[in-house]
N, C-alpha and C. Protein backbone atom coordinates (compact mmCIF):
# COMPACT_ATOMS: atom_id res chain seq x y z
N MET A 1 40.62 -12.16 -24.79
CA MET A 1 39.33 -11.04 -23.67
C MET A 1 40.57 -9.96 -23.23
N GLN A 2 39.68 -8.95 -23.90
CA GLN A 2 40.50 -7.91 -23.79
C GLN A 2 40.62 -6.54 -22.47
N GLN A 3 41.78 -6.70 -21.82
CA GLN A 3 41.84 -5.83 -20.55
C GLN A 3 41.57 -4.29 -20.74
N ALA A 4 40.83 -3.92 -19.48
CA ALA A 4 39.97 -3.28 -19.59
C ALA A 4 41.55 -1.60 -18.99
N LYS A 5 41.60 -0.67 -20.24
CA LYS A 5 42.61 0.37 -20.03
C LYS A 5 42.37 0.95 -18.43
N PRO A 6 43.23 1.32 -17.28
CA PRO A 6 42.87 2.16 -16.68
C PRO A 6 42.39 3.71 -16.74
N ASN A 7 41.42 4.87 -16.52
CA ASN A 7 41.21 5.52 -17.11
C ASN A 7 42.23 6.85 -15.57
N PRO A 8 43.22 6.80 -16.97
CA PRO A 8 43.84 8.44 -16.36
C PRO A 8 43.29 9.30 -15.05
N ASP A 9 41.71 9.42 -15.40
CA ASP A 9 41.54 10.57 -14.37
C ASP A 9 40.02 10.28 -14.07
N ALA A 10 40.68 9.16 -13.33
CA ALA A 10 39.34 8.40 -12.02
C ALA A 10 40.25 8.97 -11.21
N SER A 11 41.78 9.42 -10.60
CA SER A 11 41.21 9.79 -9.46
C SER A 11 40.74 11.27 -9.35
N LYS A 12 40.74 11.81 -10.37
CA LYS A 12 40.34 13.05 -10.37
C LYS A 12 38.65 13.18 -9.88
N GLN A 13 38.22 12.01 -10.50
CA GLN A 13 36.67 11.44 -9.83
C GLN A 13 36.20 10.73 -8.89
N ALA A 14 37.07 10.48 -8.35
CA ALA A 14 37.06 9.62 -6.90
C ALA A 14 36.46 10.15 -5.91
N THR A 15 34.97 9.05 -5.36
CA THR A 15 35.26 10.06 -4.25
C THR A 15 35.48 9.50 -2.71
N GLY A 16 35.31 9.43 -1.51
CA GLY A 16 35.93 9.41 0.02
C GLY A 16 36.48 10.61 0.26
N PRO A 17 37.43 9.93 1.25
CA PRO A 17 37.92 10.58 2.66
C PRO A 17 39.61 11.41 2.18
N HIS A 18 40.11 10.68 0.20
CA HIS A 18 41.04 10.81 -0.15
C HIS A 18 41.05 12.13 -2.03
N SER A 19 39.59 11.89 -1.73
CA SER A 19 39.37 12.53 -2.90
C SER A 19 40.03 14.06 -2.73
N ALA A 20 39.63 14.52 -4.18
CA ALA A 20 39.88 16.14 -3.68
C ALA A 20 39.34 16.70 -3.54
N ALA A 21 37.80 16.48 -3.62
CA ALA A 21 37.12 17.00 -3.27
C ALA A 21 37.13 17.22 -1.64
N ALA A 22 37.11 15.90 -0.68
CA ALA A 22 36.64 15.96 0.37
C ALA A 22 38.12 16.34 1.14
N LEU A 23 39.41 16.52 0.63
CA LEU A 23 40.59 17.00 1.48
C LEU A 23 40.09 18.84 0.40
N TYR A 24 39.80 19.37 0.02
CA TYR A 24 39.25 20.64 -0.22
C TYR A 24 38.54 20.96 1.08
N THR A 25 37.57 19.98 1.51
CA THR A 25 36.71 20.58 2.09
C THR A 25 37.66 20.80 3.86
N LYS A 26 38.91 19.95 3.86
CA LYS A 26 39.63 19.52 4.74
C LYS A 26 40.27 20.54 5.14
N GLY A 27 40.75 21.40 3.98
CA GLY A 27 41.33 22.45 4.04
C GLY A 27 40.68 23.49 4.29
N ARG A 28 39.72 23.30 3.81
CA ARG A 28 38.88 25.30 3.84
C ARG A 28 38.44 24.53 5.46
N GLU A 29 38.18 23.83 6.24
CA GLU A 29 37.77 24.09 7.23
C GLU A 29 39.24 24.94 8.09
N ALA A 30 40.34 23.80 7.93
CA ALA A 30 41.56 23.75 8.57
C ALA A 30 41.72 25.51 8.93
N LEU A 31 41.73 25.74 7.03
CA LEU A 31 42.09 27.70 7.61
C LEU A 31 40.97 28.61 7.96
N ALA A 32 40.02 28.25 8.11
CA ALA A 32 38.30 28.89 9.12
C ALA A 32 38.96 28.89 9.80
N ALA A 33 39.44 27.49 10.67
CA ALA A 33 39.67 27.61 12.02
C ALA A 33 41.25 28.27 12.54
N GLY A 34 42.19 28.61 11.53
CA GLY A 34 43.15 29.87 11.62
C GLY A 34 44.93 29.15 11.82
N ASN A 35 44.34 27.39 11.20
CA ASN A 35 45.40 26.60 11.34
C ASN A 35 45.57 26.23 9.39
N ALA A 36 47.33 27.01 9.42
CA ALA A 36 47.58 27.74 8.06
C ALA A 36 48.35 25.87 7.90
N THR A 37 49.31 25.53 8.29
CA THR A 37 49.93 24.68 8.16
C THR A 37 49.45 23.26 7.40
N GLU A 38 47.72 23.01 8.38
CA GLU A 38 46.81 21.86 8.01
C GLU A 38 46.15 22.50 6.52
N ALA A 39 45.66 23.82 6.28
CA ALA A 39 45.18 24.39 5.41
C ALA A 39 46.05 24.29 4.11
N VAL A 40 47.26 24.56 4.23
CA VAL A 40 48.59 24.14 2.50
C VAL A 40 48.82 22.66 3.06
N ARG A 41 48.75 21.82 3.52
CA ARG A 41 49.50 20.48 3.79
C ARG A 41 47.29 19.75 3.13
N CYS A 42 46.11 20.13 3.45
CA CYS A 42 45.52 19.71 2.80
C CYS A 42 45.38 20.24 1.17
N PHE A 43 45.41 21.40 1.32
CA PHE A 43 45.10 21.79 -0.31
C PHE A 43 46.13 20.97 -1.50
N ARG A 44 47.58 20.81 -0.98
CA ARG A 44 48.25 19.94 -1.67
C ARG A 44 48.10 19.35 -1.79
N LEU A 45 47.30 18.17 -1.04
CA LEU A 45 46.98 16.70 -1.01
C LEU A 45 45.78 16.90 -2.06
N ALA A 46 45.06 17.61 -1.80
CA ALA A 46 43.49 17.79 -3.05
C ALA A 46 44.17 18.27 -4.34
N LEU A 47 44.96 18.80 -4.57
CA LEU A 47 46.08 19.19 -5.99
C LEU A 47 46.84 18.38 -6.25
N ASP A 48 47.19 16.79 -4.95
CA ASP A 48 47.60 15.91 -5.77
C ASP A 48 46.61 15.26 -6.82
N ALA A 49 45.39 14.69 -5.90
CA ALA A 49 44.29 13.99 -6.41
C ALA A 49 43.41 14.71 -7.67
N ASP A 50 44.10 16.28 -8.12
CA ASP A 50 43.50 16.90 -8.77
C ASP A 50 43.87 18.23 -9.17
N ASP A 51 44.98 18.11 -10.18
CA ASP A 51 45.66 18.66 -10.15
C ASP A 51 45.38 20.56 -10.96
N GLU A 52 44.27 20.01 -11.28
CA GLU A 52 42.72 21.18 -12.01
C GLU A 52 42.12 21.72 -11.26
N HIS A 53 41.90 21.76 -9.74
CA HIS A 53 40.95 21.25 -8.78
C HIS A 53 41.73 23.03 -8.74
N LEU A 54 40.43 24.18 -9.23
CA LEU A 54 40.75 25.25 -8.94
C LEU A 54 40.53 25.95 -7.34
N GLU A 55 38.95 25.32 -6.99
CA GLU A 55 38.97 25.98 -5.99
C GLU A 55 40.04 25.49 -4.51
N ALA A 56 40.86 24.91 -5.20
CA ALA A 56 41.90 24.33 -3.94
C ALA A 56 43.15 24.69 -4.42
N HIS A 57 43.22 25.37 -5.70
CA HIS A 57 44.07 26.27 -5.39
C HIS A 57 43.96 27.86 -5.48
N HIS A 58 42.35 28.19 -5.26
CA HIS A 58 42.04 29.41 -4.11
C HIS A 58 42.87 29.42 -2.71
N GLY A 59 42.61 27.98 -2.58
CA GLY A 59 42.33 27.92 -1.42
C GLY A 59 44.16 27.74 -0.41
N LEU A 60 44.60 27.30 -1.44
CA LEU A 60 46.32 26.87 -1.50
C LEU A 60 46.81 28.77 -0.97
N VAL A 61 46.36 29.44 -1.84
CA VAL A 61 47.09 30.52 -2.12
C VAL A 61 46.60 31.66 -0.94
N LEU A 62 45.48 31.49 0.03
CA LEU A 62 44.60 31.85 0.97
C LEU A 62 45.55 31.36 2.14
N ALA A 63 46.04 29.92 1.75
CA ALA A 63 46.56 29.51 2.86
C ALA A 63 48.00 29.70 3.31
N LEU A 64 48.69 29.77 2.22
CA LEU A 64 50.00 30.09 2.39
C LEU A 64 50.40 31.55 2.22
N ARG A 65 49.30 32.37 1.99
CA ARG A 65 49.15 33.61 2.13
C ARG A 65 49.13 34.33 3.91
N GLN A 66 48.44 33.14 4.31
CA GLN A 66 47.90 33.81 6.19
C GLN A 66 48.72 32.75 6.27
N ALA A 67 49.90 32.01 6.35
CA ALA A 67 51.33 31.78 6.72
C ALA A 67 51.93 32.29 6.66
N GLY A 68 52.13 32.94 6.07
CA GLY A 68 53.06 34.46 5.66
C GLY A 68 54.34 34.01 4.55
N ARG A 69 53.72 32.50 3.56
CA ARG A 69 54.49 32.21 2.89
C ARG A 69 54.21 32.96 1.24
N LEU A 70 54.72 34.15 0.63
CA LEU A 70 53.79 34.70 -0.04
C LEU A 70 54.97 34.57 -1.34
N GLU A 71 55.64 34.22 -1.41
CA GLU A 71 56.53 34.20 -2.41
C GLU A 71 56.14 32.54 -3.41
N GLN A 72 55.82 31.42 -2.11
CA GLN A 72 54.43 30.35 -2.78
C GLN A 72 53.76 30.39 -3.03
N SER A 73 52.87 31.84 -2.55
CA SER A 73 51.22 31.96 -2.97
C SER A 73 51.78 32.45 -4.16
N ILE A 74 51.76 33.11 -3.98
CA ILE A 74 52.26 34.34 -5.07
C ILE A 74 52.73 32.89 -6.77
N ALA A 75 53.39 31.93 -6.76
CA ALA A 75 53.87 30.95 -7.28
C ALA A 75 51.86 29.97 -7.77
N ILE A 76 51.38 29.01 -6.36
CA ILE A 76 50.59 29.01 -7.06
C ILE A 76 49.42 29.88 -7.96
N ALA A 77 49.30 30.91 -7.29
CA ALA A 77 48.84 32.30 -7.84
C ALA A 77 48.39 32.44 -9.63
N LEU A 78 50.14 32.22 -10.45
CA LEU A 78 50.18 32.11 -11.46
C LEU A 78 49.90 31.19 -12.19
N ARG A 79 49.86 30.07 -11.12
CA ARG A 79 49.23 28.91 -11.84
C ARG A 79 48.04 28.46 -12.27
N TRP A 80 47.73 28.89 -11.09
CA TRP A 80 46.01 29.43 -11.02
C TRP A 80 45.43 29.51 -12.56
N THR A 81 46.45 31.14 -12.24
CA THR A 81 46.06 32.04 -13.61
C THR A 81 46.12 31.35 -14.78
N ALA A 82 47.04 30.16 -14.96
CA ALA A 82 47.30 29.58 -16.24
C ALA A 82 46.81 28.56 -16.08
N LEU A 83 45.86 27.96 -15.37
CA LEU A 83 44.93 27.44 -15.46
C LEU A 83 43.90 28.22 -16.00
N ALA A 84 43.75 29.11 -15.71
CA ALA A 84 41.95 30.07 -15.32
C ALA A 84 41.96 30.97 -16.11
N PRO A 85 42.78 31.75 -17.40
CA PRO A 85 43.48 32.65 -17.57
C PRO A 85 42.01 34.10 -17.58
N LYS A 86 40.79 33.31 -17.84
CA LYS A 86 39.66 34.46 -17.80
C LYS A 86 39.25 34.47 -16.49
N ASP A 87 39.50 33.95 -14.85
CA ASP A 87 38.82 34.34 -13.85
C ASP A 87 40.09 35.23 -13.25
N ALA A 88 38.50 35.97 -12.70
CA ALA A 88 39.16 37.70 -12.75
C ALA A 88 39.31 37.21 -11.08
N LEU A 89 38.96 36.20 -10.34
CA LEU A 89 39.27 35.97 -8.72
C LEU A 89 40.61 35.82 -8.66
N ALA A 90 41.10 34.73 -10.10
CA ALA A 90 42.81 34.08 -10.15
C ALA A 90 43.48 35.87 -9.84
N HIS A 91 43.31 36.41 -10.84
CA HIS A 91 43.92 37.95 -11.07
C HIS A 91 43.66 38.38 -9.80
N ARG A 92 42.78 38.52 -9.11
CA ARG A 92 42.21 39.58 -7.94
C ARG A 92 43.32 39.29 -6.97
N GLU A 93 43.74 37.76 -6.48
CA GLU A 93 44.44 37.10 -5.38
C GLU A 93 45.58 37.15 -5.62
N LEU A 94 46.20 37.02 -7.32
CA LEU A 94 47.23 37.10 -7.93
C LEU A 94 47.57 38.87 -7.00
N ALA A 95 46.82 39.67 -7.57
CA ALA A 95 47.40 41.11 -7.11
C ALA A 95 47.59 41.13 -5.42
N GLU A 96 47.41 40.60 -4.86
CA GLU A 96 46.85 40.71 -3.48
C GLU A 96 48.11 40.04 -2.87
N SER A 97 48.44 38.98 -3.12
CA SER A 97 49.91 38.08 -3.14
C SER A 97 50.86 39.08 -3.47
N LEU A 98 50.98 39.31 -4.53
CA LEU A 98 51.85 40.67 -5.19
C LEU A 98 52.68 41.52 -3.82
N ARG A 99 51.28 42.09 -3.35
CA ARG A 99 51.18 43.18 -3.04
C ARG A 99 51.50 43.46 -1.77
N LEU A 100 51.07 42.44 -1.26
CA LEU A 100 51.57 41.41 0.06
C LEU A 100 52.82 41.60 0.14
N ALA A 101 53.80 40.72 -0.82
CA ALA A 101 55.04 40.09 -0.92
C ALA A 101 56.02 41.60 -1.37
N GLY A 102 55.09 43.01 -1.61
CA GLY A 102 55.97 44.26 -2.24
C GLY A 102 56.31 44.35 -3.79
N HIS A 103 55.98 43.89 -4.45
CA HIS A 103 55.70 43.86 -5.60
C HIS A 103 54.18 44.89 -6.56
N THR A 104 55.03 45.62 -6.06
CA THR A 104 53.95 46.52 -6.77
C THR A 104 53.46 46.66 -8.04
N VAL A 105 53.95 47.30 -8.76
CA VAL A 105 53.73 47.16 -10.43
C VAL A 105 53.91 45.99 -10.43
N GLN A 106 54.22 44.24 -10.48
CA GLN A 106 53.13 43.12 -10.75
C GLN A 106 51.74 43.66 -10.17
N ALA A 107 51.80 43.45 -8.93
CA ALA A 107 49.64 44.03 -8.24
C ALA A 107 49.63 44.76 -8.77
N GLU A 108 49.84 45.83 -9.25
CA GLU A 108 48.94 47.16 -10.27
C GLU A 108 48.57 45.92 -11.80
N THR A 109 49.72 45.26 -12.02
CA THR A 109 49.48 45.39 -13.44
C THR A 109 48.36 43.66 -13.18
N ALA A 110 49.00 42.74 -12.52
CA ALA A 110 47.97 41.81 -11.73
C ALA A 110 46.13 42.39 -11.50
N ALA A 111 45.96 43.52 -11.58
CA ALA A 111 45.09 43.98 -10.00
C ALA A 111 43.95 44.60 -11.74
N GLN A 112 44.65 45.19 -13.05
CA GLN A 112 44.14 45.63 -13.80
C GLN A 112 43.55 44.62 -14.85
N ARG A 113 44.42 43.74 -14.61
CA ARG A 113 43.86 41.89 -15.45
C ARG A 113 42.44 42.21 -15.00
N ALA A 114 42.68 41.51 -13.46
CA ALA A 114 41.05 41.70 -12.74
C ALA A 114 40.13 41.89 -13.53
N ARG A 115 39.98 43.85 -12.84
CA ARG A 115 39.71 44.74 -13.69
C ARG A 115 38.42 44.75 -14.41
N VAL A 116 39.63 44.62 -15.86
CA VAL A 116 39.02 44.11 -16.81
C VAL A 116 38.43 43.27 -17.02
N LEU A 117 38.67 41.66 -16.83
CA LEU A 117 38.02 40.30 -16.84
C LEU A 117 36.79 40.73 -16.37
N GLU A 118 36.25 41.31 -15.05
CA GLU A 118 35.55 42.00 -14.94
C GLU A 118 33.56 42.33 -15.40
N TRP A 119 34.79 43.53 -16.12
CA TRP A 119 33.94 44.60 -16.69
C TRP A 119 33.62 43.65 -17.92
N LYS A 120 34.65 43.00 -18.41
CA LYS A 120 34.00 41.95 -20.04
C LYS A 120 32.76 41.06 -19.25
N GLN A 121 33.48 39.73 -18.03
CA GLN A 121 32.14 39.27 -17.75
C GLN A 121 30.89 40.58 -17.47
N GLN A 122 30.70 41.75 -16.90
CA GLN A 122 30.01 42.45 -16.48
C GLN A 122 28.86 42.49 -18.40
N LEU A 123 29.51 43.29 -19.00
CA LEU A 123 28.44 43.58 -20.32
C LEU A 123 28.27 42.57 -21.19
N ALA A 124 29.69 41.11 -21.15
CA ALA A 124 28.58 39.64 -20.94
C ALA A 124 27.38 39.48 -20.33
N SER A 125 27.09 39.52 -19.77
CA SER A 125 25.95 39.05 -19.27
C SER A 125 24.77 40.10 -19.33
N PRO A 126 23.77 39.32 -19.87
CA PRO A 126 22.65 40.03 -19.63
C PRO A 126 22.31 41.20 -18.93
N ALA A 127 21.24 42.07 -19.61
CA ALA A 127 21.07 43.25 -18.85
C ALA A 127 20.23 43.20 -18.19
N GLU A 128 19.86 44.05 -17.10
CA GLU A 128 18.83 43.53 -16.12
C GLU A 128 17.75 44.82 -16.45
N ASP A 129 16.30 44.68 -17.00
CA ASP A 129 15.20 45.41 -17.08
C ASP A 129 15.25 46.48 -15.86
N PRO A 130 15.20 47.89 -15.46
CA PRO A 130 14.52 48.55 -14.89
C PRO A 130 13.25 48.55 -14.71
N GLU A 131 12.94 48.24 -13.24
CA GLU A 131 11.49 48.42 -13.30
C GLU A 131 10.66 49.80 -13.63
N PRO A 132 9.25 49.28 -14.22
CA PRO A 132 8.83 50.57 -14.71
C PRO A 132 8.51 51.06 -13.30
């Protein structure tokens, strides 16, 4: 009898209180309540459950910034842009973290990249017909 192989992505698909989605939601709630420390904890746990959860990266960047941990926020934003290089939001958030940390030249570069990505998205979307 052949034994079933464990699914390495099973934890990413899991539901329940310890799933990436549930932990992300807890992190969002903590961030909205102004509890940056708890938000950071929840978002890190969400990323432990699913290291490619882009929304958890976003939340962690925001929570770290709110906690004044700008260099850590930059590190997470850089990882987010590596996971989603065409995500304009990731580049905008990286630019904001860089700006707040005083890295002006790098912030402008990231902001320019975000603008280019946004323009490409606008050009790729179908043009709306003006009403007659």
